[in-house]
Amino acid sequence: MTDFVYYADLFGTAVFAVSGALAAGRLRMDPFGVTVLAAVTAIGGGTVRDTILGATPVFWIHDTNYIWVVLLTALMVMLLVRCPRRLSGLWFQMADAFGLALFTVIGAQKALSFGASPLIAVMMGVMTGVVGGMIRDVLCREVPLVLRKEIYATASIVGGILYTISIQMDVEQVPAMLIAMGGALAIRVSAIYWRLSLPAFELNDLPKE
């Protein structure tokens, strides 16, 4: 199971790197810009998590396979940029949902292993899943996706809560991971399939100065 989680984590890294590279392509960035956006999207959340937890040097310094995955993914996207349809569509959204669910569980798991409280573990799980995308959107001068109506961070929050509750109830590691990932995936996939979104907070009648 450990090997499965590791290779699934690399797969999720690649999926998130594709997201960053595509965003760079839409803004016509050069190869360096594509690589930077791919990297911050793929490993940004885990980097912030490890820094806050004091797990330094961060994970991709210990294991450079993550860097190679990002670099190869960025190169692949640049080579296939003339065929964007191959890199988009429902399959990519599903893969992204899987990556979100897995990153959330890995983040919460790591926080608990460092003695963090369940609340902090949930926060670290969400941070691992969504912060990379937030950095990507900020660099692209856009309001981050997770701060809009999209049901994305909500799925991550639910996954983190399910995982920490399962661990607190002495559920074994593997079943706890499957429960949490299943919950996060169910919410995210449902939002994609039925185009669900959260209500927006709007202030239309602010007094003018």
N, C-alpha and C. Protein backbone atom coordinates (compact mmCIF):
# COMPACT_ATOMS: atom_id res chain seq x y z
N MET A 1 0.83 -1.21 0.00
CA MET A 1 0.00 0.00 0.00
C MET A 1 0.87 1.26 0.00
N THR A 2 2.03 1.17 0.69
CA THR A 2 2.93 2.32 0.74
C THR A 2 3.41 2.70 -0.65
N ASP A 3 3.78 1.67 -1.45
CA ASP A 3 4.23 1.94 -2.81
C ASP A 3 3.11 2.55 -3.65
N PHE A 4 1.88 2.05 -3.44
CA PHE A 4 0.75 2.60 -4.19
C PHE A 4 0.56 4.08 -3.88
N VAL A 5 0.62 4.44 -2.60
CA VAL A 5 0.45 5.84 -2.20
C VAL A 5 1.55 6.70 -2.80
N TYR A 6 2.76 6.20 -2.80
CA TYR A 6 3.89 6.97 -3.33
C TYR A 6 3.71 7.24 -4.83
N TYR A 7 3.41 6.20 -5.59
CA TYR A 7 3.26 6.38 -7.03
C TYR A 7 1.99 7.17 -7.36
N ALA A 8 0.95 7.00 -6.56
CA ALA A 8 -0.25 7.81 -6.76
C ALA A 8 0.05 9.28 -6.46
N ASP A 9 0.92 9.53 -5.48
CA ASP A 9 1.31 10.90 -5.15
C ASP A 9 2.08 11.51 -6.31
N LEU A 10 2.95 10.74 -6.95
CA LEU A 10 3.67 11.23 -8.13
C LEU A 10 2.70 11.50 -9.28
N PHE A 11 1.69 10.64 -9.42
CA PHE A 11 0.68 10.85 -10.45
C PHE A 11 -0.08 12.15 -10.18
N GLY A 12 -0.48 12.37 -8.93
CA GLY A 12 -1.16 13.61 -8.57
C GLY A 12 -0.29 14.82 -8.81
N THR A 13 1.00 14.68 -8.55
CA THR A 13 1.95 15.77 -8.83
C THR A 13 1.95 16.11 -10.31
N ALA A 14 1.95 15.08 -11.14
CA ALA A 14 1.95 15.29 -12.59
C ALA A 14 0.66 15.98 -13.04
N VAL A 15 -0.47 15.55 -12.50
CA VAL A 15 -1.76 16.14 -12.88
C VAL A 15 -1.80 17.62 -12.51
N PHE A 16 -1.35 17.95 -11.31
CA PHE A 16 -1.35 19.35 -10.90
C PHE A 16 -0.34 20.16 -11.72
N ALA A 17 0.78 19.53 -12.08
CA ALA A 17 1.76 20.22 -12.92
C ALA A 17 1.18 20.54 -14.29
N VAL A 18 0.38 19.64 -14.84
CA VAL A 18 -0.30 19.89 -16.12
C VAL A 18 -1.19 21.12 -15.99
N SER A 19 -1.91 21.22 -14.88
CA SER A 19 -2.80 22.36 -14.65
C SER A 19 -2.02 23.67 -14.68
N GLY A 20 -0.87 23.68 -14.00
CA GLY A 20 -0.06 24.89 -13.98
C GLY A 20 0.52 25.22 -15.34
N ALA A 21 0.98 24.20 -16.06
CA ALA A 21 1.56 24.43 -17.39
C ALA A 21 0.53 24.94 -18.37
N LEU A 22 -0.68 24.41 -18.29
CA LEU A 22 -1.75 24.88 -19.18
C LEU A 22 -2.09 26.34 -18.89
N ALA A 23 -2.11 26.71 -17.61
CA ALA A 23 -2.37 28.10 -17.26
C ALA A 23 -1.29 29.01 -17.83
N ALA A 24 -0.04 28.56 -17.79
CA ALA A 24 1.06 29.34 -18.36
C ALA A 24 0.92 29.44 -19.87
N GLY A 25 0.47 28.35 -20.50
CA GLY A 25 0.28 28.38 -21.95
C GLY A 25 -0.80 29.35 -22.38
N ARG A 26 -1.85 29.44 -21.58
CA ARG A 26 -2.92 30.38 -21.92
C ARG A 26 -2.44 31.82 -21.86
N LEU A 27 -1.43 32.08 -21.04
CA LEU A 27 -0.87 33.44 -20.92
C LEU A 27 0.37 33.62 -21.78
N ARG A 28 0.69 32.62 -22.63
CA ARG A 28 1.82 32.67 -23.55
C ARG A 28 3.14 32.93 -22.84
N MET A 29 3.38 32.22 -21.76
CA MET A 29 4.65 32.35 -21.05
C MET A 29 5.74 31.57 -21.76
N ASP A 30 6.99 31.92 -21.46
CA ASP A 30 8.12 31.21 -22.04
C ASP A 30 8.34 29.89 -21.27
N PRO A 31 9.27 29.03 -21.72
CA PRO A 31 9.47 27.74 -21.06
C PRO A 31 9.77 27.85 -19.56
N PHE A 32 10.51 28.90 -19.17
CA PHE A 32 10.78 29.07 -17.74
C PHE A 32 9.49 29.34 -16.98
N GLY A 33 8.63 30.21 -17.54
CA GLY A 33 7.35 30.50 -16.90
C GLY A 33 6.47 29.27 -16.80
N VAL A 34 6.46 28.46 -17.85
CA VAL A 34 5.67 27.22 -17.84
C VAL A 34 6.16 26.31 -16.72
N THR A 35 7.47 26.18 -16.58
CA THR A 35 8.04 25.31 -15.56
C THR A 35 7.74 25.82 -14.16
N VAL A 36 7.84 27.14 -13.98
CA VAL A 36 7.57 27.72 -12.66
C VAL A 36 6.12 27.49 -12.26
N LEU A 37 5.18 27.76 -13.17
CA LEU A 37 3.77 27.57 -12.84
C LEU A 37 3.44 26.10 -12.61
N ALA A 38 4.06 25.21 -13.39
CA ALA A 38 3.86 23.78 -13.17
C ALA A 38 4.35 23.37 -11.79
N ALA A 39 5.50 23.91 -11.40
CA ALA A 39 6.10 23.54 -10.11
C ALA A 39 5.29 24.06 -8.93
N VAL A 40 4.92 25.33 -8.97
CA VAL A 40 4.19 25.89 -7.82
C VAL A 40 2.83 25.22 -7.66
N THR A 41 2.21 24.84 -8.76
CA THR A 41 0.91 24.18 -8.68
C THR A 41 1.06 22.78 -8.11
N ALA A 42 2.10 22.08 -8.52
CA ALA A 42 2.26 20.67 -8.15
C ALA A 42 2.81 20.48 -6.74
N ILE A 43 3.79 21.29 -6.35
CA ILE A 43 4.46 21.05 -5.07
C ILE A 43 4.37 22.24 -4.11
N GLY A 44 3.65 23.30 -4.53
CA GLY A 44 3.55 24.48 -3.68
C GLY A 44 2.85 24.21 -2.36
N GLY A 45 1.73 23.49 -2.42
CA GLY A 45 0.98 23.21 -1.20
C GLY A 45 1.78 22.38 -0.22
N GLY A 46 2.43 21.33 -0.70
CA GLY A 46 3.24 20.48 0.17
C GLY A 46 4.43 21.21 0.74
N THR A 47 4.99 22.14 -0.04
CA THR A 47 6.12 22.92 0.44
C THR A 47 5.72 23.83 1.59
N VAL A 48 4.59 24.52 1.43
CA VAL A 48 4.10 25.39 2.52
C VAL A 48 3.77 24.55 3.75
N ARG A 49 3.13 23.41 3.54
CA ARG A 49 2.80 22.50 4.65
C ARG A 49 4.04 22.09 5.43
N ASP A 50 5.06 21.60 4.71
CA ASP A 50 6.28 21.14 5.39
C ASP A 50 6.98 22.28 6.11
N THR A 51 6.97 23.47 5.52
CA THR A 51 7.61 24.62 6.15
C THR A 51 6.91 24.96 7.46
N ILE A 52 5.58 24.96 7.46
CA ILE A 52 4.83 25.28 8.68
C ILE A 52 5.03 24.22 9.75
N LEU A 53 5.05 22.94 9.33
CA LEU A 53 5.21 21.86 10.30
C LEU A 53 6.64 21.71 10.79
N GLY A 54 7.57 22.37 10.12
CA GLY A 54 8.98 22.22 10.49
C GLY A 54 9.60 20.96 9.92
N ALA A 55 8.96 20.41 8.89
CA ALA A 55 9.48 19.19 8.24
C ALA A 55 10.46 19.61 7.16
N THR A 56 11.59 20.12 7.60
CA THR A 56 12.58 20.63 6.65
C THR A 56 13.86 19.80 6.71
N PRO A 57 14.58 19.67 5.59
CA PRO A 57 14.23 20.15 4.25
C PRO A 57 12.93 19.53 3.75
N VAL A 58 12.22 20.25 2.90
CA VAL A 58 10.90 19.82 2.44
C VAL A 58 11.01 18.56 1.58
N PHE A 59 9.88 17.93 1.34
CA PHE A 59 9.83 16.58 0.77
C PHE A 59 10.56 16.44 -0.57
N TRP A 60 10.47 17.46 -1.44
CA TRP A 60 11.07 17.31 -2.77
C TRP A 60 12.57 17.49 -2.77
N ILE A 61 13.13 17.94 -1.66
CA ILE A 61 14.59 17.96 -1.51
C ILE A 61 15.09 16.56 -1.13
N HIS A 62 14.31 15.87 -0.29
CA HIS A 62 14.64 14.49 0.07
C HIS A 62 14.47 13.55 -1.12
N ASP A 63 13.44 13.80 -1.92
CA ASP A 63 13.11 12.90 -3.03
C ASP A 63 12.97 13.74 -4.31
N THR A 64 14.01 13.77 -5.11
CA THR A 64 14.01 14.61 -6.31
C THR A 64 13.14 14.05 -7.43
N ASN A 65 12.53 12.87 -7.22
CA ASN A 65 11.60 12.35 -8.23
C ASN A 65 10.46 13.32 -8.48
N TYR A 66 10.07 14.06 -7.44
CA TYR A 66 8.99 15.03 -7.61
C TYR A 66 9.41 16.14 -8.57
N ILE A 67 10.66 16.58 -8.48
CA ILE A 67 11.15 17.62 -9.39
C ILE A 67 11.20 17.09 -10.82
N TRP A 68 11.67 15.87 -10.99
CA TRP A 68 11.73 15.29 -12.33
C TRP A 68 10.34 15.15 -12.94
N VAL A 69 9.37 14.75 -12.12
CA VAL A 69 7.99 14.64 -12.62
C VAL A 69 7.49 15.99 -13.10
N VAL A 70 7.76 17.04 -12.34
CA VAL A 70 7.33 18.39 -12.73
C VAL A 70 8.00 18.81 -14.03
N LEU A 71 9.30 18.62 -14.13
CA LEU A 71 10.05 19.03 -15.32
C LEU A 71 9.59 18.27 -16.56
N LEU A 72 9.43 16.96 -16.43
CA LEU A 72 9.00 16.15 -17.58
C LEU A 72 7.58 16.48 -17.99
N THR A 73 6.73 16.76 -16.99
CA THR A 73 5.34 17.12 -17.30
C THR A 73 5.27 18.45 -18.03
N ALA A 74 6.04 19.43 -17.55
CA ALA A 74 6.07 20.74 -18.22
C ALA A 74 6.54 20.60 -19.65
N LEU A 75 7.58 19.79 -19.86
CA LEU A 75 8.09 19.57 -21.21
C LEU A 75 7.04 18.90 -22.09
N MET A 76 6.34 17.91 -21.54
CA MET A 76 5.31 17.21 -22.29
C MET A 76 4.20 18.17 -22.73
N VAL A 77 3.79 19.05 -21.83
CA VAL A 77 2.73 20.00 -22.15
C VAL A 77 3.19 20.95 -23.25
N MET A 78 4.43 21.41 -23.16
CA MET A 78 4.92 22.33 -24.19
C MET A 78 5.01 21.65 -25.55
N LEU A 79 5.34 20.36 -25.57
CA LEU A 79 5.42 19.63 -26.83
C LEU A 79 4.04 19.36 -27.42
N LEU A 80 3.03 19.25 -26.53
CA LEU A 80 1.67 18.94 -26.99
C LEU A 80 0.78 20.17 -27.02
N VAL A 81 1.37 21.35 -26.92
CA VAL A 81 0.58 22.58 -26.82
C VAL A 81 -0.29 22.79 -28.05
N ARG A 82 0.08 22.23 -29.18
CA ARG A 82 -0.73 22.39 -30.39
C ARG A 82 -1.95 21.46 -30.37
N CYS A 83 -2.00 20.59 -29.38
CA CYS A 83 -3.13 19.65 -29.27
C CYS A 83 -3.75 19.76 -27.88
N PRO A 84 -4.24 20.95 -27.48
CA PRO A 84 -4.71 21.16 -26.11
C PRO A 84 -5.86 20.25 -25.72
N ARG A 85 -6.64 19.78 -26.70
CA ARG A 85 -7.77 18.94 -26.33
C ARG A 85 -7.32 17.63 -25.71
N ARG A 86 -6.12 17.21 -26.02
CA ARG A 86 -5.60 15.99 -25.43
C ARG A 86 -5.31 16.16 -23.95
N LEU A 87 -5.19 17.41 -23.51
CA LEU A 87 -4.82 17.67 -22.13
C LEU A 87 -5.98 18.23 -21.32
N SER A 88 -7.16 18.24 -21.87
CA SER A 88 -8.29 18.82 -21.16
C SER A 88 -9.46 17.86 -21.21
N GLY A 89 -10.59 18.30 -20.69
CA GLY A 89 -11.77 17.46 -20.75
C GLY A 89 -12.09 16.82 -19.42
N LEU A 90 -13.11 15.97 -19.45
CA LEU A 90 -13.61 15.35 -18.22
C LEU A 90 -12.57 14.48 -17.54
N TRP A 91 -11.76 13.76 -18.35
CA TRP A 91 -10.77 12.87 -17.74
C TRP A 91 -9.78 13.65 -16.89
N PHE A 92 -9.42 14.85 -17.35
CA PHE A 92 -8.47 15.65 -16.59
C PHE A 92 -9.10 16.14 -15.29
N GLN A 93 -10.36 16.52 -15.33
CA GLN A 93 -11.04 16.96 -14.11
C GLN A 93 -11.11 15.83 -13.09
N MET A 94 -11.35 14.61 -13.57
CA MET A 94 -11.41 13.47 -12.67
C MET A 94 -10.04 13.17 -12.07
N ALA A 95 -9.01 13.25 -12.91
CA ALA A 95 -7.66 13.03 -12.41
C ALA A 95 -7.28 14.10 -11.38
N ASP A 96 -7.69 15.33 -11.64
CA ASP A 96 -7.44 16.43 -10.71
C ASP A 96 -8.16 16.19 -9.39
N ALA A 97 -9.39 15.68 -9.46
CA ALA A 97 -10.15 15.37 -8.25
C ALA A 97 -9.45 14.29 -7.44
N PHE A 98 -8.91 13.28 -8.13
CA PHE A 98 -8.16 12.22 -7.46
C PHE A 98 -6.93 12.81 -6.77
N GLY A 99 -6.21 13.68 -7.49
CA GLY A 99 -5.03 14.31 -6.91
C GLY A 99 -5.37 15.14 -5.68
N LEU A 100 -6.47 15.88 -5.75
CA LEU A 100 -6.92 16.69 -4.62
C LEU A 100 -7.21 15.81 -3.40
N ALA A 101 -7.94 14.72 -3.62
CA ALA A 101 -8.29 13.82 -2.52
C ALA A 101 -7.04 13.19 -1.90
N LEU A 102 -6.14 12.74 -2.75
CA LEU A 102 -4.92 12.10 -2.26
C LEU A 102 -4.03 13.10 -1.53
N PHE A 103 -3.82 14.27 -2.09
CA PHE A 103 -2.97 15.28 -1.45
C PHE A 103 -3.54 15.69 -0.09
N THR A 104 -4.86 15.77 -0.01
CA THR A 104 -5.50 16.13 1.25
C THR A 104 -5.18 15.10 2.33
N VAL A 105 -5.32 13.83 1.99
CA VAL A 105 -5.07 12.76 2.96
C VAL A 105 -3.59 12.73 3.35
N ILE A 106 -2.70 12.86 2.37
CA ILE A 106 -1.27 12.84 2.66
C ILE A 106 -0.88 14.01 3.57
N GLY A 107 -1.47 15.18 3.30
CA GLY A 107 -1.18 16.34 4.14
C GLY A 107 -1.65 16.16 5.57
N ALA A 108 -2.87 15.65 5.73
CA ALA A 108 -3.41 15.41 7.08
C ALA A 108 -2.61 14.34 7.80
N GLN A 109 -2.25 13.30 7.07
CA GLN A 109 -1.45 12.21 7.63
C GLN A 109 -0.11 12.71 8.14
N LYS A 110 0.55 13.54 7.35
CA LYS A 110 1.86 14.06 7.76
C LYS A 110 1.74 14.95 8.98
N ALA A 111 0.69 15.77 9.03
CA ALA A 111 0.50 16.65 10.18
C ALA A 111 0.30 15.85 11.46
N LEU A 112 -0.52 14.80 11.39
CA LEU A 112 -0.74 13.95 12.56
C LEU A 112 0.54 13.26 12.99
N SER A 113 1.37 12.86 12.02
CA SER A 113 2.63 12.19 12.36
C SER A 113 3.60 13.14 13.07
N PHE A 114 3.39 14.46 12.92
CA PHE A 114 4.20 15.45 13.61
C PHE A 114 3.54 15.91 14.92
N GLY A 115 2.50 15.21 15.33
CA GLY A 115 1.85 15.50 16.61
C GLY A 115 0.86 16.64 16.57
N ALA A 116 0.42 17.06 15.39
CA ALA A 116 -0.55 18.15 15.29
C ALA A 116 -1.93 17.70 15.76
N SER A 117 -2.75 18.65 16.18
CA SER A 117 -4.12 18.36 16.59
C SER A 117 -4.96 18.03 15.36
N PRO A 118 -6.13 17.39 15.55
CA PRO A 118 -7.00 17.09 14.40
C PRO A 118 -7.35 18.33 13.58
N LEU A 119 -7.62 19.46 14.24
CA LEU A 119 -7.96 20.68 13.51
C LEU A 119 -6.81 21.11 12.61
N ILE A 120 -5.59 21.11 13.14
CA ILE A 120 -4.43 21.50 12.36
C ILE A 120 -4.19 20.49 11.24
N ALA A 121 -4.44 19.23 11.51
CA ALA A 121 -4.27 18.20 10.48
C ALA A 121 -5.20 18.44 9.30
N VAL A 122 -6.45 18.81 9.60
CA VAL A 122 -7.39 19.13 8.52
C VAL A 122 -6.89 20.33 7.73
N MET A 123 -6.42 21.35 8.43
CA MET A 123 -5.91 22.55 7.75
C MET A 123 -4.71 22.23 6.87
N MET A 124 -3.82 21.38 7.37
CA MET A 124 -2.64 21.01 6.58
C MET A 124 -3.03 20.17 5.37
N GLY A 125 -4.07 19.33 5.53
CA GLY A 125 -4.55 18.56 4.40
C GLY A 125 -5.12 19.45 3.31
N VAL A 126 -5.93 20.42 3.71
CA VAL A 126 -6.50 21.36 2.74
C VAL A 126 -5.41 22.19 2.10
N MET A 127 -4.44 22.61 2.90
CA MET A 127 -3.34 23.41 2.38
C MET A 127 -2.56 22.63 1.32
N THR A 128 -2.31 21.35 1.59
CA THR A 128 -1.58 20.53 0.63
C THR A 128 -2.35 20.41 -0.69
N GLY A 129 -3.67 20.33 -0.57
CA GLY A 129 -4.49 20.12 -1.76
C GLY A 129 -4.74 21.37 -2.59
N VAL A 130 -4.82 22.54 -1.96
CA VAL A 130 -5.30 23.71 -2.71
C VAL A 130 -4.33 24.88 -2.82
N VAL A 131 -3.32 24.95 -1.96
CA VAL A 131 -2.46 26.14 -1.96
C VAL A 131 -1.67 26.28 -3.26
N GLY A 132 -1.23 25.17 -3.83
CA GLY A 132 -0.50 25.25 -5.10
C GLY A 132 -1.33 25.92 -6.18
N GLY A 133 -2.60 25.55 -6.27
CA GLY A 133 -3.49 26.16 -7.25
C GLY A 133 -3.74 27.63 -6.96
N MET A 134 -3.78 27.98 -5.68
CA MET A 134 -3.96 29.38 -5.32
C MET A 134 -2.76 30.22 -5.76
N ILE A 135 -1.55 29.70 -5.53
CA ILE A 135 -0.35 30.42 -5.96
C ILE A 135 -0.34 30.58 -7.48
N ARG A 136 -0.72 29.50 -8.17
CA ARG A 136 -0.81 29.56 -9.64
C ARG A 136 -1.74 30.67 -10.09
N ASP A 137 -2.92 30.74 -9.50
CA ASP A 137 -3.90 31.74 -9.91
C ASP A 137 -3.43 33.15 -9.60
N VAL A 138 -2.77 33.34 -8.46
CA VAL A 138 -2.25 34.66 -8.11
C VAL A 138 -1.19 35.09 -9.12
N LEU A 139 -0.29 34.17 -9.49
CA LEU A 139 0.73 34.50 -10.49
C LEU A 139 0.11 34.81 -11.85
N CYS A 140 -1.06 34.24 -12.10
CA CYS A 140 -1.78 34.51 -13.36
C CYS A 140 -2.71 35.71 -13.25
N ARG A 141 -2.65 36.41 -12.11
CA ARG A 141 -3.46 37.60 -11.85
C ARG A 141 -4.96 37.29 -11.92
N GLU A 142 -5.34 36.16 -11.32
CA GLU A 142 -6.74 35.77 -11.25
C GLU A 142 -7.14 35.55 -9.79
N VAL A 143 -8.44 35.70 -9.51
CA VAL A 143 -8.94 35.34 -8.18
C VAL A 143 -8.84 33.82 -8.07
N PRO A 144 -8.17 33.29 -7.05
CA PRO A 144 -8.00 31.84 -6.94
C PRO A 144 -9.32 31.09 -7.03
N LEU A 145 -9.27 29.97 -7.74
CA LEU A 145 -10.46 29.15 -7.95
C LEU A 145 -11.13 28.77 -6.65
N VAL A 146 -10.34 28.44 -5.62
CA VAL A 146 -10.91 27.96 -4.36
C VAL A 146 -11.61 29.08 -3.59
N LEU A 147 -11.40 30.35 -3.97
CA LEU A 147 -12.06 31.46 -3.29
C LEU A 147 -13.33 31.89 -4.00
N ARG A 148 -13.65 31.20 -5.09
CA ARG A 148 -14.88 31.50 -5.82
C ARG A 148 -15.93 30.45 -5.50
N LYS A 149 -16.94 30.32 -6.35
CA LYS A 149 -18.08 29.44 -6.05
C LYS A 149 -17.78 27.96 -6.22
N GLU A 150 -16.67 27.64 -6.86
CA GLU A 150 -16.34 26.25 -7.18
C GLU A 150 -16.26 25.39 -5.91
N ILE A 151 -16.90 24.22 -5.94
CA ILE A 151 -16.81 23.29 -4.81
C ILE A 151 -15.52 22.49 -4.98
N TYR A 152 -14.45 23.02 -4.41
CA TYR A 152 -13.12 22.42 -4.54
C TYR A 152 -12.49 22.28 -3.15
N ALA A 153 -12.28 23.41 -2.50
CA ALA A 153 -11.74 23.36 -1.14
C ALA A 153 -12.70 22.65 -0.20
N THR A 154 -13.99 22.77 -0.46
CA THR A 154 -14.99 22.09 0.38
C THR A 154 -14.78 20.59 0.37
N ALA A 155 -14.51 20.04 -0.81
CA ALA A 155 -14.25 18.60 -0.92
C ALA A 155 -13.01 18.22 -0.12
N SER A 156 -11.99 19.07 -0.19
CA SER A 156 -10.76 18.82 0.55
C SER A 156 -11.00 18.87 2.06
N ILE A 157 -11.78 19.84 2.50
CA ILE A 157 -12.10 19.95 3.93
C ILE A 157 -12.80 18.69 4.43
N VAL A 158 -13.78 18.23 3.67
CA VAL A 158 -14.51 17.02 4.06
C VAL A 158 -13.57 15.83 4.12
N GLY A 159 -12.69 15.71 3.12
CA GLY A 159 -11.73 14.61 3.13
C GLY A 159 -10.83 14.64 4.35
N GLY A 160 -10.34 15.83 4.70
CA GLY A 160 -9.49 15.97 5.88
C GLY A 160 -10.22 15.62 7.17
N ILE A 161 -11.47 16.06 7.27
CA ILE A 161 -12.26 15.75 8.46
C ILE A 161 -12.51 14.25 8.58
N LEU A 162 -12.87 13.63 7.47
CA LEU A 162 -13.13 12.18 7.48
C LEU A 162 -11.88 11.40 7.90
N TYR A 163 -10.73 11.84 7.40
CA TYR A 163 -9.50 11.13 7.75
C TYR A 163 -9.17 11.26 9.23
N THR A 164 -9.21 12.48 9.74
CA THR A 164 -8.84 12.69 11.15
C THR A 164 -9.84 12.02 12.09
N ILE A 165 -11.12 12.07 11.75
CA ILE A 165 -12.12 11.39 12.59
C ILE A 165 -11.88 9.89 12.57
N SER A 166 -11.58 9.35 11.40
CA SER A 166 -11.34 7.91 11.30
C SER A 166 -10.14 7.50 12.15
N ILE A 167 -9.07 8.28 12.10
CA ILE A 167 -7.89 7.98 12.91
C ILE A 167 -8.21 8.09 14.40
N GLN A 168 -8.99 9.13 14.78
CA GLN A 168 -9.37 9.29 16.18
C GLN A 168 -10.22 8.13 16.67
N MET A 169 -10.96 7.51 15.77
CA MET A 169 -11.80 6.35 16.13
C MET A 169 -11.04 5.04 15.99
N ASP A 170 -9.72 5.12 15.86
CA ASP A 170 -8.84 3.95 15.79
C ASP A 170 -9.08 3.08 14.56
N VAL A 171 -9.57 3.71 13.50
CA VAL A 171 -9.64 2.99 12.22
C VAL A 171 -8.22 2.86 11.70
N GLU A 172 -7.89 1.73 11.11
CA GLU A 172 -6.54 1.52 10.61
C GLU A 172 -6.23 2.46 9.45
N GLN A 173 -4.94 2.63 9.20
CA GLN A 173 -4.47 3.63 8.26
C GLN A 173 -5.08 3.51 6.87
N VAL A 174 -5.01 2.31 6.30
CA VAL A 174 -5.49 2.13 4.92
C VAL A 174 -6.99 2.39 4.80
N PRO A 175 -7.83 1.79 5.66
CA PRO A 175 -9.27 2.10 5.56
C PRO A 175 -9.57 3.57 5.78
N ALA A 176 -8.83 4.22 6.70
CA ALA A 176 -9.04 5.64 6.96
C ALA A 176 -8.74 6.47 5.70
N MET A 177 -7.67 6.12 5.00
CA MET A 177 -7.33 6.83 3.77
C MET A 177 -8.39 6.64 2.70
N LEU A 178 -8.88 5.40 2.57
CA LEU A 178 -9.89 5.11 1.56
C LEU A 178 -11.20 5.83 1.86
N ILE A 179 -11.58 5.88 3.13
CA ILE A 179 -12.81 6.58 3.53
C ILE A 179 -12.70 8.06 3.19
N ALA A 180 -11.56 8.66 3.57
CA ALA A 180 -11.37 10.10 3.35
C ALA A 180 -11.31 10.43 1.87
N MET A 181 -10.55 9.64 1.12
CA MET A 181 -10.44 9.90 -0.32
C MET A 181 -11.79 9.69 -1.01
N GLY A 182 -12.52 8.68 -0.57
CA GLY A 182 -13.84 8.43 -1.15
C GLY A 182 -14.79 9.58 -0.91
N GLY A 183 -14.77 10.14 0.30
CA GLY A 183 -15.63 11.28 0.60
C GLY A 183 -15.28 12.51 -0.21
N ALA A 184 -13.99 12.83 -0.27
CA ALA A 184 -13.56 14.00 -1.05
C ALA A 184 -13.86 13.82 -2.53
N LEU A 185 -13.59 12.63 -3.05
CA LEU A 185 -13.87 12.36 -4.45
C LEU A 185 -15.35 12.46 -4.77
N ALA A 186 -16.18 11.91 -3.90
CA ALA A 186 -17.63 11.92 -4.13
C ALA A 186 -18.15 13.34 -4.25
N ILE A 187 -17.68 14.23 -3.37
CA ILE A 187 -18.14 15.62 -3.39
C ILE A 187 -17.63 16.34 -4.63
N ARG A 188 -16.35 16.17 -4.92
CA ARG A 188 -15.77 16.88 -6.07
C ARG A 188 -16.35 16.38 -7.39
N VAL A 189 -16.47 15.07 -7.54
CA VAL A 189 -17.01 14.51 -8.78
C VAL A 189 -18.48 14.89 -8.95
N SER A 190 -19.23 14.89 -7.85
CA SER A 190 -20.64 15.31 -7.92
C SER A 190 -20.75 16.76 -8.37
N ALA A 191 -19.86 17.61 -7.85
CA ALA A 191 -19.88 19.02 -8.24
C ALA A 191 -19.56 19.18 -9.72
N ILE A 192 -18.63 18.36 -10.23
CA ILE A 192 -18.29 18.43 -11.65
C ILE A 192 -19.45 17.93 -12.50
N TYR A 193 -20.01 16.79 -12.12
CA TYR A 193 -21.05 16.14 -12.95
C TYR A 193 -22.32 16.97 -12.99
N TRP A 194 -22.76 17.45 -11.81
CA TRP A 194 -24.01 18.21 -11.75
C TRP A 194 -23.79 19.72 -11.78
N ARG A 195 -22.55 20.13 -11.96
CA ARG A 195 -22.21 21.56 -12.01
C ARG A 195 -22.71 22.31 -10.77
N LEU A 196 -22.41 21.74 -9.64
CA LEU A 196 -22.81 22.34 -8.37
C LEU A 196 -21.81 23.43 -7.97
N SER A 197 -22.30 24.42 -7.27
CA SER A 197 -21.42 25.47 -6.77
C SER A 197 -21.99 26.05 -5.49
N LEU A 198 -21.14 26.71 -4.74
CA LEU A 198 -21.58 27.36 -3.51
C LEU A 198 -22.19 28.72 -3.84
N PRO A 199 -23.12 29.19 -3.01
CA PRO A 199 -23.69 30.52 -3.26
C PRO A 199 -22.63 31.60 -3.07
N ALA A 200 -22.66 32.60 -3.93
CA ALA A 200 -21.69 33.69 -3.85
C ALA A 200 -22.15 34.75 -2.86
N PHE A 201 -21.20 35.34 -2.17
CA PHE A 201 -21.48 36.43 -1.24
C PHE A 201 -21.35 37.74 -2.02
N GLU A 202 -22.46 38.47 -2.16
CA GLU A 202 -22.44 39.68 -2.97
C GLU A 202 -22.96 40.87 -2.17
N LEU A 203 -22.31 42.00 -2.36
CA LEU A 203 -22.76 43.26 -1.77
C LEU A 203 -22.99 44.24 -2.92
N ASN A 204 -24.25 44.42 -3.26
CA ASN A 204 -24.57 45.25 -4.42
C ASN A 204 -24.93 46.69 -4.08
N ASP A 205 -25.24 46.94 -2.81
CA ASP A 205 -25.76 48.26 -2.45
C ASP A 205 -24.84 48.98 -1.44
N LEU A 206 -23.55 48.91 -1.67
CA LEU A 206 -22.63 49.60 -0.80
C LEU A 206 -22.76 51.11 -0.99
N PRO A 207 -22.73 51.89 0.09
CA PRO A 207 -22.82 53.35 -0.07
C PRO A 207 -21.60 53.89 -0.78
N LYS A 208 -21.81 54.85 -1.63
CA LYS A 208 -20.71 55.47 -2.37
C LYS A 208 -20.09 56.59 -1.55
N GLU A 209 -18.78 56.66 -1.61
CA GLU A 209 -18.09 57.71 -0.85
C GLU A 209 -18.04 59.01 -1.65
